[in-house]
Every structure is written in C-alpha cells, then in structure tokens.
Amino acid sequence: MRRANIMVSGIQLENMGGHALIVGEAQILLRGETRPCELMDEQCQGLRDALDPDWYGGAHGVVIKGGLIRVGDPASIEVPTPVPS
C-alpha cells in the first residue's frame, strides 16, 4: 500500500515518470501514478475530494537524494541527475 508522504501544489505530475521531483534538499525519482483508495478519507476526511480530478492520488517514487524538506520549500520537476555507481 502506498500513502502520501509529501504533498505539493502547482506542479504537473502526470506523465512525469522517470523525472525527478525536487523539494528542498531532496530528489525523488517519480515512478508512476498512485491510485487513491477509501483509506485516504479514514486518515483525513475529504482528502479524496481534494485530489486532482485527472490524476487522482498523485505520483509515487523513490528517494534518490535525501535531504531536509521544510513547509513552503519550492518544488520543481527536472531530468534526474545520474547517481554515480
């Protein structure tokens, strides 16, 4: 099961799989769409109604660079920086 760990506004996440979401010092490699379920409203009443009507539960991804995120930090979408092996 996936659940929201961070919420951003003003960013188009649809079809951004393979791109990086940059928030604060962190980079998250976006993998795909998160489908909403009824558990969302159990955690926060009205959350499902607040979702984007075209892309529902947003996106899920993996952290590729950890870092501090603060409320109000800007968010952007970028082509990910390759991680050295």
Protein backbone atom coordinates (compact mmCIF):
# COMPACT_ATOMS: atom_id res chain seq x y z
CA MET A 1 0.00 0.00 0.00
CA ARG A 2 1.24 3.50 -0.83
CA ARG A 3 0.29 6.63 1.05
CA ALA A 4 1.07 10.32 0.70
CA ASN A 5 4.23 11.35 2.48
CA ILE A 6 4.52 14.77 0.90
CA MET A 7 2.00 17.00 -0.83
CA VAL A 8 2.90 19.73 -3.31
CA SER A 9 0.84 22.15 -5.36
CA GLY A 10 1.46 23.95 -8.62
CA ILE A 11 3.35 21.00 -10.14
CA GLN A 12 2.08 18.84 -13.00
CA LEU A 13 2.95 15.22 -12.06
CA GLU A 14 1.04 13.47 -14.83
CA ASN A 15 3.31 11.53 -17.21
CA MET A 16 6.45 12.58 -15.32
CA GLY A 17 7.69 9.03 -14.63
CA GLY A 18 11.48 8.99 -14.92
CA HIS A 19 11.77 12.67 -13.92
CA ALA A 20 12.91 13.93 -10.53
CA LEU A 21 10.72 15.88 -8.13
CA ILE A 22 12.99 18.34 -6.31
CA VAL A 23 11.69 19.58 -2.95
CA GLY A 24 14.01 21.35 -0.54
CA GLU A 25 17.27 19.37 -0.49
CA ALA A 26 15.63 16.10 -1.60
CA GLN A 27 15.25 14.45 -5.01
CA ILE A 28 12.54 11.85 -5.65
CA LEU A 29 12.58 9.79 -8.85
CA LEU A 30 8.95 9.62 -9.97
CA ARG A 31 7.79 6.13 -10.97
CA GLY A 32 4.08 6.45 -11.72
CA GLU A 33 0.57 7.32 -10.59
CA THR A 34 -0.73 6.49 -7.12
CA ARG A 35 -4.31 5.22 -7.18
CA PRO A 36 -6.48 6.55 -4.33
CA CYS A 37 -8.41 4.24 -2.03
CA GLU A 38 -11.06 4.59 0.67
CA LEU A 39 -8.40 4.59 3.40
CA MET A 40 -7.48 8.15 2.44
CA ASP A 41 -10.70 9.55 3.90
CA GLU A 42 -10.24 7.46 7.04
CA GLN A 43 -6.96 9.30 7.66
CA CYS A 44 -8.15 12.76 6.61
CA GLN A 45 -11.83 13.32 5.84
CA GLY A 46 -12.31 14.98 2.45
CA LEU A 47 -8.85 14.09 1.13
CA ARG A 48 -10.17 12.13 -1.86
CA ASP A 49 -12.37 15.09 -2.85
CA ALA A 50 -9.29 17.34 -2.82
CA LEU A 51 -7.42 15.20 -5.36
CA ASP A 52 -6.71 16.30 -8.92
CA PRO A 53 -9.72 15.09 -10.95
CA ASP A 54 -7.50 13.90 -13.80
CA TRP A 55 -4.68 12.27 -11.88
CA TYR A 56 -6.25 11.24 -8.57
CA GLY A 57 -3.67 10.27 -5.95
CA GLY A 58 -0.61 11.95 -7.42
CA ALA A 59 2.65 10.11 -8.02
CA HIS A 60 4.86 7.65 -6.23
CA GLY A 61 8.62 7.41 -6.44
CA VAL A 62 11.88 6.55 -4.74
CA VAL A 63 14.24 8.89 -2.92
CA ILE A 64 17.44 9.29 -4.93
CA LYS A 65 18.87 12.08 -2.78
CA GLY A 66 17.77 12.58 0.80
CA GLY A 67 17.68 15.96 2.46
CA LEU A 68 15.78 18.40 4.60
CA ILE A 69 12.31 19.46 3.41
CA ARG A 70 10.51 22.35 5.09
CA VAL A 71 6.93 23.55 4.73
CA GLY A 72 6.93 26.16 1.96
CA ASP A 73 10.05 24.87 0.16
CA PRO A 74 9.76 25.30 -3.62
CA ALA A 75 9.14 22.19 -5.72
CA SER A 76 10.16 21.56 -9.31
CA ILE A 77 10.43 18.77 -11.88
CA GLU A 78 13.79 18.08 -13.52
CA VAL A 79 15.55 15.42 -15.52
CA PRO A 80 17.24 13.40 -12.74
CA THR A 81 20.93 13.71 -12.03
CA PRO A 82 22.61 10.34 -12.63
CA VAL A 83 23.77 8.64 -9.43
CA PRO A 84 27.43 7.57 -9.69
CA SER A 85 27.91 3.81 -9.34
